[in-house]
Amino acid sequence: GLVCALVLGKRIGYGTDNMAPFNLALAVIGASLLWVGWFGFNAGSAVAASGRAGMAMAVTQIATAAAALGWMFAEWITKGKPSVLGVISGAVAGLVAITPASGFVLPGAALVIGVVAGVICFWSATWVKHALGYDDSLDAFGVHGVGGIVGALLTG
């Protein structure tokens, strides 16, 4: 995502035109489908209906919700109010961050991974993007790239 954003450059009208998301309802539906599908992704890695698969589902839920809340509170503190797009971006960051750890951590660690991922991905998708001056319309690097790095590092 980051390399493509740097190679392609900024969109026409970036910085001058309002480029708000078109349909937040569809974005919420899409994020909800990702959230539900991710249970199969993480729990399915156990290749059996076992306690490990159940724990993977539980920590996926906990980390995702914690990341959504972490992003929401970071946005609330810095911008004065949270947004729907921020909450779903935080949820996706949590899904990405818990993936490497889902079969190996307990719920408390999942909570920490989620909150840390939500806050760091918010910082990456807002401050770092503007500091480096690239146009990543979907915040793919800030959410997926940084979320994956955070999750891999916090897995140990």
N, C-alpha and C. Protein backbone atom coordinates (compact mmCIF):
# COMPACT_ATOMS: atom_id res chain seq x y z
N GLY A 1 0.80 -1.19 0.00
CA GLY A 1 0.00 0.00 0.00
C GLY A 1 0.84 1.26 0.00
N LEU A 2 1.87 1.31 0.85
CA LEU A 2 2.69 2.52 0.96
C LEU A 2 3.48 2.76 -0.32
N VAL A 3 4.07 1.72 -0.88
CA VAL A 3 4.85 1.89 -2.10
C VAL A 3 3.96 2.35 -3.25
N CYS A 4 2.78 1.76 -3.36
CA CYS A 4 1.84 2.19 -4.41
C CYS A 4 1.44 3.64 -4.23
N ALA A 5 1.17 4.04 -3.00
CA ALA A 5 0.78 5.43 -2.74
C ALA A 5 1.91 6.38 -3.10
N LEU A 6 3.14 5.98 -2.82
CA LEU A 6 4.28 6.84 -3.15
C LEU A 6 4.54 6.88 -4.65
N VAL A 7 4.40 5.74 -5.33
CA VAL A 7 4.65 5.69 -6.78
C VAL A 7 3.55 6.42 -7.55
N LEU A 8 2.29 6.18 -7.19
CA LEU A 8 1.18 6.79 -7.91
C LEU A 8 1.04 8.28 -7.63
N GLY A 9 1.46 8.71 -6.46
CA GLY A 9 1.34 10.13 -6.12
C GLY A 9 -0.04 10.46 -5.59
N LYS A 10 -0.27 11.73 -5.39
CA LYS A 10 -1.52 12.18 -4.79
C LYS A 10 -2.64 12.24 -5.83
N ARG A 11 -3.86 12.06 -5.36
CA ARG A 11 -5.03 12.16 -6.22
C ARG A 11 -5.22 13.60 -6.68
N ILE A 12 -5.87 13.77 -7.81
CA ILE A 12 -6.20 15.11 -8.29
C ILE A 12 -7.17 15.73 -7.29
N GLY A 13 -6.86 16.90 -6.82
CA GLY A 13 -7.71 17.59 -5.86
C GLY A 13 -7.37 17.29 -4.41
N TYR A 14 -6.36 16.46 -4.17
CA TYR A 14 -5.98 16.13 -2.80
C TYR A 14 -5.51 17.39 -2.08
N GLY A 15 -6.08 17.63 -0.93
CA GLY A 15 -5.72 18.81 -0.15
C GLY A 15 -6.59 20.02 -0.41
N THR A 16 -7.31 20.02 -1.55
CA THR A 16 -8.18 21.16 -1.86
C THR A 16 -9.65 20.76 -1.89
N ASP A 17 -9.95 19.58 -2.41
CA ASP A 17 -11.34 19.11 -2.50
C ASP A 17 -11.70 18.27 -1.28
N ASN A 18 -12.99 18.24 -0.96
CA ASN A 18 -13.49 17.39 0.11
C ASN A 18 -13.51 15.95 -0.39
N MET A 19 -12.74 15.09 0.23
CA MET A 19 -12.66 13.70 -0.19
C MET A 19 -13.17 12.78 0.92
N ALA A 20 -14.30 13.17 1.49
CA ALA A 20 -14.92 12.37 2.55
C ALA A 20 -15.42 11.05 1.98
N PRO A 21 -15.52 10.03 2.82
CA PRO A 21 -16.04 8.74 2.35
C PRO A 21 -17.44 8.90 1.77
N PHE A 22 -17.73 8.12 0.75
CA PHE A 22 -18.99 8.25 0.02
C PHE A 22 -20.18 7.68 0.79
N ASN A 23 -20.05 6.47 1.33
CA ASN A 23 -21.18 5.81 1.96
C ASN A 23 -20.70 5.06 3.20
N LEU A 24 -20.85 5.67 4.36
CA LEU A 24 -20.38 5.05 5.60
C LEU A 24 -21.18 3.80 5.96
N ALA A 25 -22.44 3.75 5.56
CA ALA A 25 -23.24 2.56 5.86
C ALA A 25 -22.64 1.33 5.18
N LEU A 26 -22.23 1.47 3.94
CA LEU A 26 -21.60 0.34 3.25
C LEU A 26 -20.23 0.02 3.84
N ALA A 27 -19.52 1.03 4.31
CA ALA A 27 -18.24 0.79 4.97
C ALA A 27 -18.43 -0.01 6.25
N VAL A 28 -19.46 0.31 7.01
CA VAL A 28 -19.76 -0.43 8.24
C VAL A 28 -20.15 -1.87 7.91
N ILE A 29 -20.96 -2.06 6.89
CA ILE A 29 -21.34 -3.42 6.49
C ILE A 29 -20.10 -4.21 6.07
N GLY A 30 -19.23 -3.59 5.29
CA GLY A 30 -18.00 -4.26 4.87
C GLY A 30 -17.11 -4.63 6.04
N ALA A 31 -16.94 -3.71 6.98
CA ALA A 31 -16.12 -4.00 8.15
C ALA A 31 -16.75 -5.10 9.00
N SER A 32 -18.07 -5.11 9.09
CA SER A 32 -18.76 -6.16 9.84
C SER A 32 -18.55 -7.53 9.20
N LEU A 33 -18.60 -7.57 7.87
CA LEU A 33 -18.34 -8.83 7.17
C LEU A 33 -16.90 -9.30 7.39
N LEU A 34 -15.97 -8.36 7.37
CA LEU A 34 -14.57 -8.71 7.67
C LEU A 34 -14.45 -9.28 9.08
N TRP A 35 -15.07 -8.60 10.02
CA TRP A 35 -15.00 -9.00 11.43
C TRP A 35 -15.51 -10.44 11.59
N VAL A 36 -16.67 -10.73 11.03
CA VAL A 36 -17.25 -12.07 11.16
C VAL A 36 -16.39 -13.10 10.42
N GLY A 37 -15.95 -12.75 9.23
CA GLY A 37 -15.13 -13.68 8.46
C GLY A 37 -13.78 -13.97 9.09
N TRP A 38 -13.27 -13.01 9.85
CA TRP A 38 -11.95 -13.17 10.47
C TRP A 38 -11.97 -14.26 11.54
N PHE A 39 -13.14 -14.53 12.13
CA PHE A 39 -13.23 -15.63 13.10
C PHE A 39 -12.86 -16.95 12.44
N GLY A 40 -13.35 -17.17 11.24
CA GLY A 40 -13.00 -18.38 10.51
C GLY A 40 -11.53 -18.40 10.13
N PHE A 41 -11.01 -17.24 9.82
CA PHE A 41 -9.60 -17.13 9.44
C PHE A 41 -8.70 -17.49 10.62
N ASN A 42 -8.95 -16.89 11.78
CA ASN A 42 -8.09 -17.15 12.94
C ASN A 42 -8.39 -18.48 13.61
N ALA A 43 -9.66 -18.77 13.86
CA ALA A 43 -10.01 -20.03 14.52
C ALA A 43 -9.81 -21.22 13.59
N GLY A 44 -10.00 -21.01 12.31
CA GLY A 44 -9.82 -22.08 11.34
C GLY A 44 -8.39 -22.55 11.23
N SER A 45 -7.45 -21.74 11.68
CA SER A 45 -6.05 -22.13 11.65
C SER A 45 -5.77 -23.30 12.59
N ALA A 46 -6.64 -23.53 13.55
CA ALA A 46 -6.48 -24.67 14.46
C ALA A 46 -6.83 -25.99 13.76
N VAL A 47 -7.53 -25.93 12.64
CA VAL A 47 -7.92 -27.08 11.84
C VAL A 47 -8.72 -28.11 12.65
N ALA A 48 -9.40 -27.65 13.68
CA ALA A 48 -10.25 -28.53 14.48
C ALA A 48 -11.15 -27.67 15.35
N ALA A 49 -12.28 -28.22 15.74
CA ALA A 49 -13.15 -27.53 16.69
C ALA A 49 -12.65 -27.88 18.09
N SER A 50 -11.70 -27.10 18.56
CA SER A 50 -11.04 -27.42 19.83
C SER A 50 -11.00 -26.20 20.73
N GLY A 51 -10.42 -26.38 21.90
CA GLY A 51 -10.25 -25.27 22.82
C GLY A 51 -9.37 -24.18 22.24
N ARG A 52 -8.38 -24.57 21.47
CA ARG A 52 -7.49 -23.59 20.85
C ARG A 52 -8.26 -22.73 19.84
N ALA A 53 -9.15 -23.35 19.08
CA ALA A 53 -9.97 -22.60 18.12
C ALA A 53 -10.92 -21.66 18.86
N GLY A 54 -11.50 -22.14 19.94
CA GLY A 54 -12.38 -21.29 20.74
C GLY A 54 -11.65 -20.10 21.33
N MET A 55 -10.45 -20.34 21.83
CA MET A 55 -9.66 -19.24 22.38
C MET A 55 -9.25 -18.27 21.28
N ALA A 56 -8.94 -18.79 20.10
CA ALA A 56 -8.60 -17.90 18.98
C ALA A 56 -9.78 -17.00 18.63
N MET A 57 -10.98 -17.55 18.67
CA MET A 57 -12.17 -16.72 18.42
C MET A 57 -12.34 -15.67 19.51
N ALA A 58 -12.15 -16.07 20.75
CA ALA A 58 -12.34 -15.13 21.86
C ALA A 58 -11.33 -13.99 21.81
N VAL A 59 -10.06 -14.32 21.59
CA VAL A 59 -9.05 -13.25 21.58
C VAL A 59 -9.19 -12.38 20.33
N THR A 60 -9.70 -12.94 19.25
CA THR A 60 -9.97 -12.13 18.06
C THR A 60 -11.04 -11.09 18.37
N GLN A 61 -12.10 -11.51 19.02
CA GLN A 61 -13.17 -10.59 19.40
C GLN A 61 -12.66 -9.51 20.35
N ILE A 62 -11.90 -9.91 21.35
CA ILE A 62 -11.41 -8.96 22.36
C ILE A 62 -10.46 -7.95 21.74
N ALA A 63 -9.50 -8.41 20.96
CA ALA A 63 -8.52 -7.49 20.37
C ALA A 63 -9.18 -6.54 19.38
N THR A 64 -10.13 -7.03 18.62
CA THR A 64 -10.80 -6.18 17.64
C THR A 64 -11.60 -5.08 18.32
N ALA A 65 -12.36 -5.45 19.32
CA ALA A 65 -13.14 -4.45 20.06
C ALA A 65 -12.22 -3.47 20.78
N ALA A 66 -11.14 -3.96 21.35
CA ALA A 66 -10.20 -3.08 22.06
C ALA A 66 -9.52 -2.11 21.10
N ALA A 67 -9.17 -2.57 19.92
CA ALA A 67 -8.55 -1.69 18.93
C ALA A 67 -9.53 -0.63 18.44
N ALA A 68 -10.77 -1.02 18.24
CA ALA A 68 -11.79 -0.05 17.83
C ALA A 68 -11.95 1.03 18.90
N LEU A 69 -11.97 0.62 20.16
CA LEU A 69 -12.07 1.59 21.25
C LEU A 69 -10.80 2.42 21.39
N GLY A 70 -9.64 1.79 21.22
CA GLY A 70 -8.38 2.53 21.29
C GLY A 70 -8.31 3.61 20.22
N TRP A 71 -8.67 3.27 18.99
CA TRP A 71 -8.69 4.25 17.90
C TRP A 71 -9.70 5.35 18.21
N MET A 72 -10.88 4.94 18.69
CA MET A 72 -11.93 5.91 18.98
C MET A 72 -11.48 6.91 20.04
N PHE A 73 -10.88 6.44 21.12
CA PHE A 73 -10.43 7.35 22.17
C PHE A 73 -9.28 8.23 21.71
N ALA A 74 -8.36 7.68 20.91
CA ALA A 74 -7.26 8.49 20.37
C ALA A 74 -7.81 9.59 19.47
N GLU A 75 -8.79 9.25 18.66
CA GLU A 75 -9.41 10.24 17.77
C GLU A 75 -10.19 11.27 18.58
N TRP A 76 -10.85 10.82 19.61
CA TRP A 76 -11.63 11.71 20.47
C TRP A 76 -10.72 12.72 21.17
N ILE A 77 -9.57 12.24 21.65
CA ILE A 77 -8.63 13.12 22.35
C ILE A 77 -8.00 14.13 21.39
N THR A 78 -7.61 13.68 20.20
CA THR A 78 -6.88 14.56 19.29
C THR A 78 -7.78 15.44 18.43
N LYS A 79 -8.95 14.94 18.05
CA LYS A 79 -9.81 15.69 17.13
C LYS A 79 -11.09 16.22 17.76
N GLY A 80 -11.34 15.86 19.01
CA GLY A 80 -12.51 16.38 19.69
C GLY A 80 -13.75 15.53 19.59
N LYS A 81 -13.80 14.62 18.62
CA LYS A 81 -14.95 13.71 18.51
C LYS A 81 -14.54 12.48 17.70
N PRO A 82 -15.11 11.34 18.06
CA PRO A 82 -14.81 10.12 17.30
C PRO A 82 -15.66 10.06 16.03
N SER A 83 -15.28 9.18 15.13
CA SER A 83 -16.03 9.01 13.88
C SER A 83 -16.32 7.53 13.64
N VAL A 84 -17.34 7.29 12.86
CA VAL A 84 -17.69 5.91 12.48
C VAL A 84 -16.54 5.29 11.68
N LEU A 85 -16.00 6.05 10.75
CA LEU A 85 -14.89 5.54 9.94
C LEU A 85 -13.70 5.20 10.82
N GLY A 86 -13.45 6.00 11.84
CA GLY A 86 -12.36 5.72 12.77
C GLY A 86 -12.58 4.43 13.54
N VAL A 87 -13.79 4.21 13.99
CA VAL A 87 -14.08 2.99 14.75
C VAL A 87 -13.89 1.76 13.88
N ILE A 88 -14.37 1.80 12.64
CA ILE A 88 -14.20 0.61 11.80
C ILE A 88 -12.75 0.45 11.35
N SER A 89 -12.02 1.54 11.19
CA SER A 89 -10.59 1.43 10.88
C SER A 89 -9.85 0.81 12.06
N GLY A 90 -10.21 1.20 13.27
CA GLY A 90 -9.61 0.61 14.45
C GLY A 90 -9.93 -0.87 14.56
N ALA A 91 -11.15 -1.25 14.23
CA ALA A 91 -11.53 -2.66 14.28
C ALA A 91 -10.69 -3.48 13.30
N VAL A 92 -10.52 -2.97 12.09
CA VAL A 92 -9.70 -3.68 11.10
C VAL A 92 -8.25 -3.76 11.58
N ALA A 93 -7.74 -2.69 12.19
CA ALA A 93 -6.39 -2.72 12.74
C ALA A 93 -6.26 -3.80 13.81
N GLY A 94 -7.29 -3.95 14.63
CA GLY A 94 -7.27 -5.00 15.65
C GLY A 94 -7.30 -6.39 15.06
N LEU A 95 -8.09 -6.58 14.01
CA LEU A 95 -8.13 -7.88 13.34
C LEU A 95 -6.75 -8.25 12.79
N VAL A 96 -6.13 -7.29 12.15
CA VAL A 96 -4.81 -7.53 11.57
C VAL A 96 -3.78 -7.82 12.67
N ALA A 97 -3.83 -7.03 13.74
CA ALA A 97 -2.82 -7.15 14.79
C ALA A 97 -2.92 -8.46 15.57
N ILE A 98 -4.12 -8.98 15.77
CA ILE A 98 -4.26 -10.19 16.58
C ILE A 98 -3.99 -11.45 15.76
N THR A 99 -3.99 -11.37 14.46
CA THR A 99 -3.85 -12.56 13.63
C THR A 99 -2.60 -13.39 13.95
N PRO A 100 -1.40 -12.81 14.05
CA PRO A 100 -0.26 -13.68 14.35
C PRO A 100 -0.28 -14.27 15.76
N ALA A 101 -1.04 -13.67 16.66
CA ALA A 101 -1.03 -14.10 18.05
C ALA A 101 -2.26 -14.91 18.45
N SER A 102 -3.24 -15.02 17.58
CA SER A 102 -4.56 -15.53 18.00
C SER A 102 -4.53 -16.93 18.60
N GLY A 103 -3.63 -17.76 18.20
CA GLY A 103 -3.57 -19.11 18.75
C GLY A 103 -2.66 -19.25 19.94
N PHE A 104 -2.06 -18.15 20.38
CA PHE A 104 -1.01 -18.26 21.39
C PHE A 104 -1.16 -17.35 22.60
N VAL A 105 -2.13 -16.44 22.60
CA VAL A 105 -2.24 -15.48 23.70
C VAL A 105 -3.54 -15.67 24.48
N LEU A 106 -3.54 -15.16 25.68
CA LEU A 106 -4.72 -15.18 26.53
C LEU A 106 -5.50 -13.87 26.35
N PRO A 107 -6.73 -13.82 26.84
CA PRO A 107 -7.55 -12.62 26.65
C PRO A 107 -6.92 -11.31 27.13
N GLY A 108 -6.19 -11.33 28.23
CA GLY A 108 -5.55 -10.10 28.72
C GLY A 108 -4.54 -9.56 27.73
N ALA A 109 -3.75 -10.46 27.16
CA ALA A 109 -2.77 -10.03 26.16
C ALA A 109 -3.46 -9.54 24.89
N ALA A 110 -4.58 -10.16 24.54
CA ALA A 110 -5.34 -9.71 23.37
C ALA A 110 -5.86 -8.30 23.58
N LEU A 111 -6.28 -8.00 24.79
CA LEU A 111 -6.75 -6.65 25.12
C LEU A 111 -5.63 -5.63 24.92
N VAL A 112 -4.45 -5.96 25.41
CA VAL A 112 -3.30 -5.06 25.26
C VAL A 112 -2.93 -4.90 23.79
N ILE A 113 -2.87 -6.00 23.06
CA ILE A 113 -2.54 -5.94 21.63
C ILE A 113 -3.55 -5.06 20.90
N GLY A 114 -4.82 -5.22 21.21
CA GLY A 114 -5.85 -4.44 20.55
C GLY A 114 -5.73 -2.95 20.83
N VAL A 115 -5.60 -2.58 22.09
CA VAL A 115 -5.51 -1.15 22.43
C VAL A 115 -4.27 -0.53 21.81
N VAL A 116 -3.13 -1.20 21.95
CA VAL A 116 -1.88 -0.67 21.38
C VAL A 116 -2.00 -0.54 19.87
N ALA A 117 -2.54 -1.54 19.21
CA ALA A 117 -2.69 -1.48 17.75
C ALA A 117 -3.62 -0.36 17.35
N GLY A 118 -4.72 -0.18 18.05
CA GLY A 118 -5.66 0.89 17.72
C GLY A 118 -5.03 2.26 17.80
N VAL A 119 -4.29 2.51 18.88
CA VAL A 119 -3.67 3.82 19.08
C VAL A 119 -2.53 4.05 18.09
N ILE A 120 -1.67 3.06 17.91
CA ILE A 120 -0.53 3.23 17.00
C ILE A 120 -1.00 3.34 15.55
N CYS A 121 -1.99 2.56 15.16
CA CYS A 121 -2.50 2.66 13.79
C CYS A 121 -3.20 3.99 13.55
N PHE A 122 -3.89 4.52 14.56
CA PHE A 122 -4.47 5.86 14.43
C PHE A 122 -3.37 6.88 14.18
N TRP A 123 -2.32 6.80 14.97
CA TRP A 123 -1.19 7.72 14.83
C TRP A 123 -0.56 7.58 13.44
N SER A 124 -0.41 6.35 12.97
CA SER A 124 0.20 6.13 11.66
C SER A 124 -0.69 6.62 10.53
N ALA A 125 -2.00 6.39 10.64
CA ALA A 125 -2.91 6.77 9.57
C ALA A 125 -3.19 8.27 9.54
N THR A 126 -2.87 8.96 10.60
CA THR A 126 -3.12 10.41 10.62
C THR A 126 -1.81 11.18 10.60
N TRP A 127 -1.05 11.11 11.66
CA TRP A 127 0.14 11.94 11.79
C TRP A 127 1.24 11.55 10.81
N VAL A 128 1.58 10.28 10.76
CA VAL A 128 2.69 9.83 9.90
C VAL A 128 2.36 10.10 8.43
N LYS A 129 1.13 9.82 8.02
CA LYS A 129 0.73 10.05 6.63
C LYS A 129 0.91 11.51 6.24
N HIS A 130 0.51 12.41 7.11
CA HIS A 130 0.64 13.83 6.80
C HIS A 130 2.09 14.31 6.93
N ALA A 131 2.83 13.75 7.87
CA ALA A 131 4.23 14.14 8.04
C ALA A 131 5.07 13.73 6.83
N LEU A 132 4.79 12.55 6.28
CA LEU A 132 5.54 12.09 5.11
C LEU A 132 4.95 12.58 3.80
N GLY A 133 3.71 13.08 3.85
CA GLY A 133 3.10 13.71 2.68
C GLY A 133 2.63 12.77 1.59
N TYR A 134 2.22 11.57 1.93
CA TYR A 134 1.69 10.68 0.90
C TYR A 134 0.18 10.59 1.01
N ASP A 135 -0.47 10.19 -0.08
CA ASP A 135 -1.93 10.10 -0.15
C ASP A 135 -2.33 8.63 -0.20
N ASP A 136 -2.69 8.09 0.94
CA ASP A 136 -3.16 6.71 1.03
C ASP A 136 -4.64 6.78 1.36
N SER A 137 -5.48 6.78 0.33
CA SER A 137 -6.91 7.05 0.51
C SER A 137 -7.60 6.03 1.41
N LEU A 138 -7.14 4.82 1.44
CA LEU A 138 -7.75 3.78 2.28
C LEU A 138 -6.98 3.54 3.57
N ASP A 139 -5.92 4.29 3.79
CA ASP A 139 -5.04 4.08 4.95
C ASP A 139 -4.58 2.63 5.04
N ALA A 140 -4.30 2.05 3.88
CA ALA A 140 -3.90 0.64 3.83
C ALA A 140 -2.62 0.40 4.62
N PHE A 141 -1.63 1.27 4.45
CA PHE A 141 -0.39 1.07 5.19
C PHE A 141 -0.58 1.35 6.67
N GLY A 142 -1.27 2.43 7.00
CA GLY A 142 -1.46 2.80 8.40
C GLY A 142 -2.26 1.78 9.18
N VAL A 143 -3.21 1.11 8.54
CA VAL A 143 -4.05 0.14 9.24
C VAL A 143 -3.50 -1.27 9.08
N HIS A 144 -3.28 -1.71 7.86
CA HIS A 144 -2.85 -3.09 7.62
C HIS A 144 -1.35 -3.28 7.84
N GLY A 145 -0.55 -2.41 7.27
CA GLY A 145 0.89 -2.55 7.40
C GLY A 145 1.36 -2.37 8.83
N VAL A 146 1.00 -1.25 9.42
CA VAL A 146 1.42 -0.97 10.79
C VAL A 146 0.73 -1.93 11.77
N GLY A 147 -0.54 -2.24 11.52
CA GLY A 147 -1.24 -3.20 12.39
C GLY A 147 -0.56 -4.56 12.38
N GLY A 148 -0.13 -5.01 11.22
CA GLY A 148 0.59 -6.28 11.14
C GLY A 148 1.93 -6.24 11.84
N ILE A 149 2.63 -5.13 11.70
CA ILE A 149 3.92 -4.98 12.38
C ILE A 149 3.73 -4.99 13.90
N VAL A 150 2.75 -4.22 14.37
CA VAL A 150 2.47 -4.17 15.81
C VAL A 150 2.09 -5.55 16.32
N GLY A 151 1.22 -6.25 15.61
CA GLY A 151 0.81 -7.58 16.03
C GLY A 151 1.96 -8.57 16.06
N ALA A 152 2.82 -8.51 15.06
CA ALA A 152 3.97 -9.41 15.02
C ALA A 152 4.93 -9.13 16.16
N LEU A 153 5.18 -7.85 16.43
CA LEU A 153 6.10 -7.50 17.52
C LEU A 153 5.52 -7.86 18.89
N LEU A 154 4.23 -7.62 19.09
CA LEU A 154 3.64 -7.91 20.39
C LEU A 154 3.37 -9.39 20.61
N THR A 155 3.41 -10.18 19.55
CA THR A 155 3.26 -11.63 19.71
C THR A 155 4.48 -12.20 20.42
N GLY A 156 5.63 -11.60 20.14
CA GLY A 156 6.86 -12.02 20.82
C GLY A 156 7.66 -12.84 19.93
